[in-house]
Amino acid sequence: MIPAVENSVSANAFRPGDVVATRKGLTIEIGNTDAEGRVILADALAEAAAEEPDLVIDFATLTGAARVALGTELPALFCNDDETAGALLAAAGDVDDPLWRMPLWQGYTKEIEGKIADLNNAPSGRFGGAITAALFLERFAEGIERWAHIDLMAWMTSAKPGRPAGGEAMGLRAAFEMIRRRYG
C-alpha cells in the first residue's frame, strides 16, 4: 500500500480543529496540519490489519523529532514485537543500513488523546514527538502481530561510497534482508 498526500494549502485542505473519521472508526482531531502523513498512514495500517498479515513494515518521513533525536543518517525503528525488532536490527547491521530502536512508551499515550475526538494527530507539546507519532500509528496497527514503523529522513545530506547525496531508501535494504531471511 502506498498512502501519499500532497501537503498544500487549498480550499479543501483540512484545518486545525477539524475532525476526520478513519477507516478504523476512530476520529482524529487535527492538531497540526503539517502532520497529515500520519492521518493517511493510519487508514493504510487499518486496511492492512484487516487483511491479517504476518508482518507489516511502514516507512515514513513522519517526524522531525526523530531527526533531532538521532540525526539525519539513522532512522528510528518502532516495533511491537521484540523478535521482529531484533531481526530487523541484525539485518540492518549485516547490510550496513542502520536503524535504531526507539520505545513505544505507553506512558505517553495520554499525549495523543483528543479533546474533541478519539485522537489528536499531533500533541501540542514538543517532547517525545517521534514516540507519540509512533503511538498514534500503533492505535491503527492493533491486530497486526508483527508491526514495525521506520521513521526516516529518506535523504542523504552528503555522499558516501555507493550512496550519493540526495534521495535515499533508508531502512529498505535492512527490511528486505530481514524479509529474505524470514520468508525466503
N, C-alpha and C. Protein backbone atom coordinates (compact mmCIF):
# COMPACT_ATOMS: atom_id res chain seq x y z
N MET A 1 0.85 -1.17 0.00
CA MET A 1 0.00 0.00 0.00
C MET A 1 0.89 1.23 0.00
N ILE A 2 0.49 2.21 -0.74
CA ILE A 2 1.25 3.45 -0.79
C ILE A 2 0.30 4.62 -0.51
N PRO A 3 0.14 4.96 0.77
CA PRO A 3 -0.65 6.15 1.08
C PRO A 3 0.23 7.38 0.83
N ALA A 4 -0.27 8.33 0.09
CA ALA A 4 0.51 9.53 -0.22
C ALA A 4 -0.41 10.74 -0.24
N VAL A 5 0.14 11.87 0.16
CA VAL A 5 -0.62 13.11 0.15
C VAL A 5 0.26 14.23 -0.37
N GLU A 6 -0.41 15.26 -0.84
CA GLU A 6 0.27 16.50 -1.17
C GLU A 6 -0.08 17.49 -0.08
N ASN A 7 0.93 18.03 0.54
CA ASN A 7 0.72 18.97 1.63
C ASN A 7 0.68 20.38 1.03
N SER A 8 -0.53 20.84 0.68
CA SER A 8 -0.64 22.18 0.11
C SER A 8 -1.89 22.87 0.62
N VAL A 9 -1.84 24.15 0.61
CA VAL A 9 -2.96 24.96 1.06
C VAL A 9 -3.95 25.10 -0.09
N SER A 10 -5.22 24.82 0.21
CA SER A 10 -6.27 24.99 -0.78
C SER A 10 -7.61 25.08 -0.06
N ALA A 11 -8.66 25.28 -0.81
CA ALA A 11 -9.99 25.43 -0.21
C ALA A 11 -10.47 24.15 0.45
N ASN A 12 -9.96 22.99 0.01
CA ASN A 12 -10.43 21.73 0.61
C ASN A 12 -9.39 21.11 1.55
N ALA A 13 -8.35 21.84 1.91
CA ALA A 13 -7.36 21.34 2.87
C ALA A 13 -7.99 21.31 4.26
N PHE A 14 -7.55 20.37 5.10
CA PHE A 14 -8.09 20.40 6.45
C PHE A 14 -7.40 21.48 7.27
N ARG A 15 -8.09 21.87 8.36
CA ARG A 15 -7.64 22.97 9.21
C ARG A 15 -7.50 22.49 10.64
N PRO A 16 -6.69 23.19 11.46
CA PRO A 16 -6.60 22.82 12.88
C PRO A 16 -7.98 22.80 13.51
N GLY A 17 -8.23 21.76 14.26
CA GLY A 17 -9.53 21.61 14.91
C GLY A 17 -10.52 20.77 14.13
N ASP A 18 -10.26 20.53 12.84
CA ASP A 18 -11.13 19.63 12.08
C ASP A 18 -11.09 18.24 12.69
N VAL A 19 -12.15 17.50 12.53
CA VAL A 19 -12.21 16.12 12.99
C VAL A 19 -12.40 15.23 11.76
N VAL A 20 -11.54 14.24 11.64
CA VAL A 20 -11.54 13.35 10.49
C VAL A 20 -11.91 11.94 10.96
N ALA A 21 -12.86 11.33 10.28
CA ALA A 21 -13.22 9.93 10.58
C ALA A 21 -12.23 9.01 9.85
N THR A 22 -11.89 7.90 10.48
CA THR A 22 -10.94 6.97 9.88
C THR A 22 -11.61 5.66 9.50
N ARG A 23 -10.91 4.91 8.69
CA ARG A 23 -11.35 3.58 8.26
C ARG A 23 -11.62 2.67 9.46
N LYS A 24 -10.84 2.84 10.52
CA LYS A 24 -10.98 2.01 11.72
C LYS A 24 -12.18 2.40 12.57
N GLY A 25 -12.72 3.59 12.32
CA GLY A 25 -13.85 4.06 13.11
C GLY A 25 -13.45 5.04 14.20
N LEU A 26 -12.16 5.25 14.40
CA LEU A 26 -11.69 6.25 15.34
C LEU A 26 -11.75 7.62 14.67
N THR A 27 -11.92 8.65 15.47
CA THR A 27 -11.88 10.01 14.93
C THR A 27 -10.56 10.66 15.32
N ILE A 28 -10.09 11.53 14.43
CA ILE A 28 -8.82 12.22 14.64
C ILE A 28 -9.06 13.72 14.62
N GLU A 29 -8.65 14.36 15.70
CA GLU A 29 -8.66 15.81 15.80
C GLU A 29 -7.37 16.32 15.14
N ILE A 30 -7.49 17.24 14.22
CA ILE A 30 -6.31 17.78 13.55
C ILE A 30 -5.69 18.84 14.45
N GLY A 31 -4.60 18.46 15.09
CA GLY A 31 -3.87 19.38 15.96
C GLY A 31 -2.81 20.15 15.20
N ASN A 32 -2.35 19.56 14.09
CA ASN A 32 -1.31 20.20 13.28
C ASN A 32 -1.51 19.74 11.84
N THR A 33 -1.72 20.69 10.94
CA THR A 33 -1.96 20.33 9.55
C THR A 33 -0.71 19.81 8.85
N ASP A 34 0.45 20.03 9.44
CA ASP A 34 1.69 19.52 8.85
C ASP A 34 1.92 18.06 9.21
N ALA A 35 1.08 17.48 10.03
CA ALA A 35 1.18 16.07 10.40
C ALA A 35 0.13 15.26 9.66
N GLU A 36 -0.03 15.58 8.36
CA GLU A 36 -1.05 14.91 7.56
C GLU A 36 -0.67 13.50 7.18
N GLY A 37 0.62 13.21 7.08
CA GLY A 37 1.06 11.88 6.67
C GLY A 37 0.59 10.80 7.61
N ARG A 38 0.63 11.05 8.89
CA ARG A 38 0.20 10.02 9.85
C ARG A 38 -1.29 9.77 9.77
N VAL A 39 -2.06 10.76 9.31
CA VAL A 39 -3.51 10.58 9.18
C VAL A 39 -3.81 9.57 8.07
N ILE A 40 -3.15 9.70 6.94
CA ILE A 40 -3.42 8.74 5.86
C ILE A 40 -2.73 7.41 6.11
N LEU A 41 -1.58 7.43 6.78
CA LEU A 41 -0.91 6.17 7.13
C LEU A 41 -1.78 5.38 8.11
N ALA A 42 -2.51 6.07 8.96
CA ALA A 42 -3.42 5.40 9.89
C ALA A 42 -4.44 4.56 9.13
N ASP A 43 -5.03 5.11 8.08
CA ASP A 43 -6.00 4.35 7.29
C ASP A 43 -5.34 3.18 6.58
N ALA A 44 -4.13 3.36 6.08
CA ALA A 44 -3.43 2.25 5.42
C ALA A 44 -3.13 1.13 6.41
N LEU A 45 -2.73 1.48 7.62
CA LEU A 45 -2.46 0.46 8.64
C LEU A 45 -3.74 -0.28 9.03
N ALA A 46 -4.84 0.45 9.15
CA ALA A 46 -6.12 -0.20 9.47
C ALA A 46 -6.52 -1.16 8.36
N GLU A 47 -6.33 -0.76 7.12
CA GLU A 47 -6.65 -1.65 6.00
C GLU A 47 -5.74 -2.87 6.00
N ALA A 48 -4.46 -2.65 6.26
CA ALA A 48 -3.51 -3.78 6.32
C ALA A 48 -3.90 -4.74 7.44
N ALA A 49 -4.26 -4.21 8.59
CA ALA A 49 -4.66 -5.05 9.73
C ALA A 49 -5.85 -5.92 9.37
N ALA A 50 -6.77 -5.39 8.59
CA ALA A 50 -7.97 -6.14 8.19
C ALA A 50 -7.62 -7.37 7.36
N GLU A 51 -6.47 -7.32 6.70
CA GLU A 51 -6.03 -8.45 5.87
C GLU A 51 -5.27 -9.52 6.66
N GLU A 52 -5.08 -9.29 7.96
CA GLU A 52 -4.42 -10.23 8.87
C GLU A 52 -3.06 -10.71 8.37
N PRO A 53 -2.16 -9.78 8.06
CA PRO A 53 -0.83 -10.17 7.57
C PRO A 53 0.04 -10.71 8.69
N ASP A 54 1.08 -11.44 8.31
CA ASP A 54 2.06 -11.92 9.28
C ASP A 54 2.98 -10.79 9.73
N LEU A 55 3.23 -9.84 8.84
CA LEU A 55 4.17 -8.75 9.11
C LEU A 55 3.76 -7.51 8.33
N VAL A 56 3.85 -6.36 8.97
CA VAL A 56 3.68 -5.07 8.29
C VAL A 56 4.85 -4.19 8.70
N ILE A 57 5.50 -3.61 7.70
CA ILE A 57 6.54 -2.61 7.95
C ILE A 57 6.13 -1.36 7.20
N ASP A 58 6.03 -0.25 7.92
CA ASP A 58 5.74 1.01 7.24
C ASP A 58 6.97 1.91 7.33
N PHE A 59 7.16 2.69 6.29
CA PHE A 59 8.25 3.65 6.20
C PHE A 59 7.62 5.02 6.01
N ALA A 60 8.06 6.01 6.78
CA ALA A 60 7.50 7.35 6.62
C ALA A 60 8.49 8.40 7.08
N THR A 61 8.52 9.50 6.37
CA THR A 61 9.24 10.68 6.84
C THR A 61 8.26 11.39 7.77
N LEU A 62 8.06 10.79 8.94
CA LEU A 62 6.95 11.18 9.79
C LEU A 62 7.26 12.36 10.70
N THR A 63 8.46 12.39 11.30
CA THR A 63 8.70 13.43 12.29
C THR A 63 10.09 14.04 12.18
N GLY A 64 10.15 15.32 12.40
CA GLY A 64 11.44 15.97 12.59
C GLY A 64 12.02 15.59 13.94
N ALA A 65 11.17 15.16 14.86
CA ALA A 65 11.63 14.78 16.20
C ALA A 65 12.60 13.60 16.14
N ALA A 66 12.38 12.67 15.23
CA ALA A 66 13.32 11.55 15.07
C ALA A 66 14.67 12.06 14.58
N ARG A 67 14.66 13.09 13.72
CA ARG A 67 15.92 13.67 13.24
C ARG A 67 16.65 14.37 14.37
N VAL A 68 15.90 15.06 15.22
CA VAL A 68 16.52 15.74 16.36
C VAL A 68 17.15 14.71 17.29
N ALA A 69 16.46 13.62 17.53
CA ALA A 69 16.96 12.59 18.45
C ALA A 69 18.13 11.81 17.87
N LEU A 70 18.07 11.44 16.59
CA LEU A 70 19.04 10.50 16.02
C LEU A 70 19.88 11.07 14.88
N GLY A 71 19.61 12.27 14.44
CA GLY A 71 20.36 12.84 13.33
C GLY A 71 19.76 12.43 12.00
N THR A 72 20.45 12.81 10.94
CA THR A 72 19.89 12.65 9.60
C THR A 72 20.15 11.29 8.97
N GLU A 73 21.11 10.52 9.50
CA GLU A 73 21.50 9.27 8.85
C GLU A 73 21.02 8.01 9.56
N LEU A 74 20.32 8.15 10.67
CA LEU A 74 19.92 6.99 11.47
C LEU A 74 18.41 6.98 11.67
N PRO A 75 17.69 6.17 10.91
CA PRO A 75 16.24 6.09 11.07
C PRO A 75 15.83 5.47 12.41
N ALA A 76 14.72 5.95 12.92
CA ALA A 76 14.14 5.42 14.15
C ALA A 76 13.27 4.22 13.81
N LEU A 77 13.44 3.15 14.57
CA LEU A 77 12.64 1.93 14.42
C LEU A 77 11.75 1.79 15.65
N PHE A 78 10.46 1.67 15.40
CA PHE A 78 9.49 1.35 16.46
C PHE A 78 8.88 0.02 16.08
N CYS A 79 8.74 -0.88 17.05
CA CYS A 79 8.24 -2.21 16.72
C CYS A 79 7.48 -2.78 17.91
N ASN A 80 6.38 -3.46 17.64
CA ASN A 80 5.56 -4.04 18.70
C ASN A 80 5.96 -5.48 19.03
N ASP A 81 7.03 -5.99 18.42
CA ASP A 81 7.45 -7.38 18.61
C ASP A 81 8.98 -7.42 18.73
N ASP A 82 9.47 -7.86 19.88
CA ASP A 82 10.91 -7.87 20.13
C ASP A 82 11.68 -8.75 19.14
N GLU A 83 11.13 -9.90 18.79
CA GLU A 83 11.82 -10.79 17.84
C GLU A 83 11.97 -10.12 16.47
N THR A 84 10.92 -9.49 16.01
CA THR A 84 10.97 -8.80 14.72
C THR A 84 11.95 -7.63 14.78
N ALA A 85 11.91 -6.88 15.87
CA ALA A 85 12.85 -5.76 16.02
C ALA A 85 14.29 -6.27 16.00
N GLY A 86 14.55 -7.36 16.72
CA GLY A 86 15.89 -7.93 16.72
C GLY A 86 16.33 -8.39 15.35
N ALA A 87 15.41 -9.00 14.61
CA ALA A 87 15.73 -9.47 13.25
C ALA A 87 16.02 -8.29 12.32
N LEU A 88 15.24 -7.22 12.46
CA LEU A 88 15.49 -6.02 11.65
C LEU A 88 16.83 -5.39 11.99
N LEU A 89 17.15 -5.29 13.28
CA LEU A 89 18.41 -4.69 13.69
C LEU A 89 19.60 -5.54 13.25
N ALA A 90 19.48 -6.86 13.33
CA ALA A 90 20.56 -7.75 12.87
C ALA A 90 20.77 -7.60 11.37
N ALA A 91 19.69 -7.58 10.62
CA ALA A 91 19.80 -7.41 9.16
C ALA A 91 20.38 -6.03 8.84
N ALA A 92 19.97 -5.02 9.58
CA ALA A 92 20.49 -3.66 9.35
C ALA A 92 22.00 -3.62 9.51
N GLY A 93 22.50 -4.28 10.54
CA GLY A 93 23.94 -4.32 10.75
C GLY A 93 24.66 -5.08 9.66
N ASP A 94 24.06 -6.16 9.20
CA ASP A 94 24.70 -7.01 8.19
C ASP A 94 24.76 -6.36 6.81
N VAL A 95 23.80 -5.49 6.49
CA VAL A 95 23.80 -4.87 5.16
C VAL A 95 24.17 -3.38 5.22
N ASP A 96 24.72 -2.95 6.35
CA ASP A 96 25.17 -1.56 6.52
C ASP A 96 24.06 -0.56 6.19
N ASP A 97 22.90 -0.81 6.77
CA ASP A 97 21.73 0.06 6.59
C ASP A 97 21.16 0.30 7.99
N PRO A 98 21.78 1.19 8.76
CA PRO A 98 21.50 1.29 10.19
C PRO A 98 20.07 1.70 10.55
N LEU A 99 19.62 1.16 11.66
CA LEU A 99 18.36 1.52 12.31
C LEU A 99 18.63 1.62 13.80
N TRP A 100 17.83 2.39 14.52
CA TRP A 100 17.97 2.47 15.97
C TRP A 100 16.60 2.31 16.58
N ARG A 101 16.46 1.31 17.46
CA ARG A 101 15.15 1.06 18.06
C ARG A 101 14.83 2.10 19.12
N MET A 102 13.62 2.61 19.01
CA MET A 102 13.07 3.57 19.96
C MET A 102 11.86 2.91 20.64
N PRO A 103 11.52 3.38 21.84
CA PRO A 103 10.43 2.72 22.59
C PRO A 103 9.04 3.18 22.18
N LEU A 104 8.12 2.24 22.23
CA LEU A 104 6.69 2.56 22.15
C LEU A 104 6.24 2.76 23.60
N TRP A 105 6.68 3.84 24.19
CA TRP A 105 6.48 4.10 25.61
C TRP A 105 5.02 4.44 25.88
N GLN A 106 4.30 3.48 26.46
CA GLN A 106 2.87 3.61 26.66
C GLN A 106 2.51 4.75 27.61
N GLY A 107 3.45 5.19 28.42
CA GLY A 107 3.20 6.31 29.32
C GLY A 107 2.86 7.60 28.60
N TYR A 108 3.20 7.69 27.31
CA TYR A 108 2.91 8.90 26.54
C TYR A 108 1.59 8.83 25.77
N THR A 109 0.83 7.76 25.92
CA THR A 109 -0.43 7.67 25.16
C THR A 109 -1.40 8.80 25.50
N LYS A 110 -1.31 9.31 26.72
CA LYS A 110 -2.19 10.43 27.09
C LYS A 110 -1.95 11.65 26.22
N GLU A 111 -0.75 11.75 25.64
CA GLU A 111 -0.40 12.89 24.80
C GLU A 111 -1.16 12.90 23.46
N ILE A 112 -1.60 11.73 23.01
CA ILE A 112 -2.28 11.66 21.71
C ILE A 112 -3.80 11.62 21.84
N GLU A 113 -4.30 11.68 23.06
CA GLU A 113 -5.76 11.71 23.26
C GLU A 113 -6.31 13.05 22.79
N GLY A 114 -7.40 12.99 22.05
CA GLY A 114 -8.02 14.22 21.55
C GLY A 114 -8.92 14.86 22.58
N LYS A 115 -9.14 16.14 22.43
CA LYS A 115 -10.09 16.85 23.30
C LYS A 115 -11.50 16.76 22.73
N ILE A 116 -11.59 16.73 21.37
CA ILE A 116 -12.91 16.68 20.73
C ILE A 116 -13.06 15.46 19.83
N ALA A 117 -12.05 14.60 19.81
CA ALA A 117 -12.08 13.38 19.00
C ALA A 117 -11.34 12.29 19.78
N ASP A 118 -11.30 11.09 19.23
CA ASP A 118 -10.61 10.00 19.91
C ASP A 118 -9.12 10.28 20.07
N LEU A 119 -8.50 10.78 19.00
CA LEU A 119 -7.06 11.01 18.98
C LEU A 119 -6.75 12.39 18.43
N ASN A 120 -5.57 12.90 18.76
CA ASN A 120 -5.05 14.13 18.17
C ASN A 120 -3.87 13.73 17.30
N ASN A 121 -3.80 14.23 16.08
CA ASN A 121 -2.73 13.81 15.18
C ASN A 121 -1.37 14.39 15.57
N ALA A 122 -1.33 15.39 16.41
CA ALA A 122 -0.05 15.98 16.82
C ALA A 122 -0.21 16.68 18.17
N PRO A 123 0.33 16.09 19.21
CA PRO A 123 0.22 16.72 20.54
C PRO A 123 0.81 18.13 20.53
N SER A 124 0.33 18.96 21.44
CA SER A 124 0.79 20.35 21.48
C SER A 124 2.19 20.47 22.06
N GLY A 125 2.63 19.53 22.88
CA GLY A 125 3.97 19.60 23.45
C GLY A 125 5.04 19.22 22.45
N ARG A 126 6.26 19.60 22.71
CA ARG A 126 7.36 19.33 21.79
C ARG A 126 8.16 18.09 22.20
N PHE A 127 7.86 17.50 23.31
CA PHE A 127 8.68 16.41 23.82
C PHE A 127 8.16 15.05 23.37
N GLY A 128 9.08 14.16 23.05
CA GLY A 128 8.71 12.80 22.67
C GLY A 128 7.95 12.70 21.37
N GLY A 129 8.17 13.62 20.46
CA GLY A 129 7.39 13.69 19.23
C GLY A 129 7.45 12.45 18.36
N ALA A 130 8.62 11.83 18.24
CA ALA A 130 8.72 10.61 17.43
C ALA A 130 7.96 9.47 18.11
N ILE A 131 8.04 9.42 19.42
CA ILE A 131 7.34 8.36 20.16
C ILE A 131 5.83 8.55 20.08
N THR A 132 5.36 9.77 20.29
CA THR A 132 3.90 9.98 20.24
C THR A 132 3.36 9.74 18.84
N ALA A 133 4.13 10.05 17.81
CA ALA A 133 3.69 9.76 16.44
C ALA A 133 3.57 8.25 16.24
N ALA A 134 4.55 7.49 16.73
CA ALA A 134 4.51 6.03 16.61
C ALA A 134 3.35 5.45 17.43
N LEU A 135 3.10 6.01 18.61
CA LEU A 135 1.96 5.54 19.41
C LEU A 135 0.64 5.82 18.71
N PHE A 136 0.56 6.95 18.03
CA PHE A 136 -0.63 7.27 17.24
C PHE A 136 -0.84 6.18 16.19
N LEU A 137 0.21 5.85 15.45
CA LEU A 137 0.11 4.81 14.41
C LEU A 137 -0.22 3.45 15.01
N GLU A 138 0.35 3.16 16.18
CA GLU A 138 0.11 1.86 16.82
C GLU A 138 -1.38 1.61 17.06
N ARG A 139 -2.14 2.67 17.32
CA ARG A 139 -3.58 2.50 17.52
C ARG A 139 -4.27 1.92 16.29
N PHE A 140 -3.68 2.17 15.12
CA PHE A 140 -4.27 1.69 13.87
C PHE A 140 -3.64 0.36 13.43
N ALA A 141 -2.54 -0.01 14.08
CA ALA A 141 -1.87 -1.28 13.78
C ALA A 141 -2.32 -2.38 14.74
N GLU A 142 -3.29 -2.08 15.60
CA GLU A 142 -3.80 -3.10 16.52
C GLU A 142 -4.29 -4.30 15.72
N GLY A 143 -3.92 -5.47 16.18
CA GLY A 143 -4.30 -6.68 15.47
C GLY A 143 -3.20 -7.18 14.55
N ILE A 144 -2.21 -6.34 14.27
CA ILE A 144 -1.06 -6.78 13.48
C ILE A 144 -0.03 -7.31 14.47
N GLU A 145 0.20 -8.62 14.43
CA GLU A 145 1.07 -9.26 15.42
C GLU A 145 2.50 -8.75 15.34
N ARG A 146 2.99 -8.52 14.13
CA ARG A 146 4.35 -8.03 13.93
C ARG A 146 4.27 -6.77 13.08
N TRP A 147 4.43 -5.62 13.74
CA TRP A 147 4.38 -4.33 13.06
C TRP A 147 5.63 -3.55 13.39
N ALA A 148 6.23 -2.98 12.36
CA ALA A 148 7.38 -2.11 12.55
C ALA A 148 7.14 -0.80 11.80
N HIS A 149 7.50 0.27 12.45
CA HIS A 149 7.41 1.60 11.85
C HIS A 149 8.82 2.17 11.78
N ILE A 150 9.23 2.58 10.61
CA ILE A 150 10.56 3.19 10.43
C ILE A 150 10.35 4.65 10.05
N ASP A 151 10.77 5.52 10.96
CA ASP A 151 10.67 6.97 10.76
C ASP A 151 12.02 7.43 10.21
N LEU A 152 12.03 7.81 8.95
CA LEU A 152 13.29 8.09 8.26
C LEU A 152 13.26 9.44 7.57
N MET A 153 14.45 9.92 7.26
CA MET A 153 14.57 11.18 6.55
C MET A 153 14.49 10.96 5.04
N ALA A 154 15.01 9.83 4.57
CA ALA A 154 14.99 9.46 3.15
C ALA A 154 15.81 10.41 2.28
N TRP A 155 16.80 11.01 2.88
CA TRP A 155 17.65 11.96 2.15
C TRP A 155 19.04 11.95 2.76
N MET A 156 20.04 11.74 1.92
CA MET A 156 21.43 11.81 2.38
C MET A 156 21.92 13.23 2.18
N THR A 157 22.37 13.86 3.25
CA THR A 157 22.85 15.24 3.15
C THR A 157 24.25 15.31 2.55
N SER A 158 24.99 14.20 2.61
CA SER A 158 26.32 14.16 2.00
C SER A 158 26.55 12.78 1.39
N ALA A 159 27.42 12.74 0.39
CA ALA A 159 27.69 11.48 -0.32
C ALA A 159 28.54 10.55 0.53
N LYS A 160 28.29 9.25 0.34
CA LYS A 160 29.08 8.18 0.94
C LYS A 160 29.36 7.17 -0.17
N PRO A 161 30.35 6.31 -0.02
CA PRO A 161 30.63 5.33 -1.08
C PRO A 161 29.37 4.52 -1.44
N GLY A 162 29.00 4.57 -2.70
CA GLY A 162 27.84 3.84 -3.19
C GLY A 162 26.51 4.48 -2.86
N ARG A 163 26.54 5.61 -2.18
CA ARG A 163 25.31 6.29 -1.77
C ARG A 163 25.49 7.79 -1.98
N PRO A 164 25.07 8.29 -3.12
CA PRO A 164 25.26 9.72 -3.40
C PRO A 164 24.35 10.58 -2.54
N ALA A 165 24.69 11.85 -2.44
CA ALA A 165 23.82 12.80 -1.75
C ALA A 165 22.48 12.84 -2.47
N GLY A 166 21.42 13.00 -1.73
CA GLY A 166 20.08 13.05 -2.31
C GLY A 166 19.19 11.97 -1.76
N GLY A 167 18.15 11.63 -2.51
CA GLY A 167 17.16 10.64 -2.07
C GLY A 167 17.80 9.32 -1.67
N GLU A 168 17.34 8.76 -0.56
CA GLU A 168 17.94 7.54 -0.03
C GLU A 168 16.85 6.64 0.56
N ALA A 169 16.90 5.39 0.23
CA ALA A 169 15.92 4.40 0.72
C ALA A 169 16.37 3.85 2.07
N MET A 170 16.46 4.70 3.06
CA MET A 170 16.93 4.31 4.40
C MET A 170 16.05 3.21 4.97
N GLY A 171 16.68 2.18 5.47
CA GLY A 171 15.97 1.08 6.11
C GLY A 171 15.43 0.04 5.15
N LEU A 172 15.37 0.35 3.87
CA LEU A 172 14.79 -0.56 2.90
C LEU A 172 15.65 -1.81 2.70
N ARG A 173 16.96 -1.63 2.63
CA ARG A 173 17.84 -2.80 2.48
C ARG A 173 17.76 -3.69 3.72
N ALA A 174 17.69 -3.07 4.89
CA ALA A 174 17.57 -3.85 6.13
C ALA A 174 16.27 -4.64 6.16
N ALA A 175 15.17 -4.00 5.78
CA ALA A 175 13.87 -4.69 5.77
C ALA A 175 13.87 -5.82 4.75
N PHE A 176 14.41 -5.55 3.56
CA PHE A 176 14.46 -6.59 2.54
C PHE A 176 15.27 -7.79 3.03
N GLU A 177 16.41 -7.54 3.65
CA GLU A 177 17.25 -8.64 4.15
C GLU A 177 16.53 -9.43 5.25
N MET A 178 15.86 -8.75 6.14
CA MET A 178 15.12 -9.44 7.20
C MET A 178 14.01 -10.28 6.60
N ILE A 179 13.29 -9.75 5.63
CA ILE A 179 12.20 -10.50 4.98
C ILE A 179 12.77 -11.69 4.21
N ARG A 180 13.88 -11.49 3.52
CA ARG A 180 14.52 -12.58 2.77
C ARG A 180 14.89 -13.72 3.72
N ARG A 181 15.46 -13.38 4.86
CA ARG A 181 15.86 -14.40 5.84
C ARG A 181 14.66 -15.12 6.44
N ARG A 182 13.64 -14.36 6.76
CA ARG A 182 12.48 -14.94 7.45
C ARG A 182 11.57 -15.73 6.51
N TYR A 183 11.38 -15.23 5.31
CA TYR A 183 10.39 -15.81 4.42
C TYR A 183 10.97 -16.41 3.14
N GLY A 184 12.28 -16.18 2.91
CA GLY A 184 12.91 -16.59 1.65
C GLY A 184 13.15 -18.04 1.47
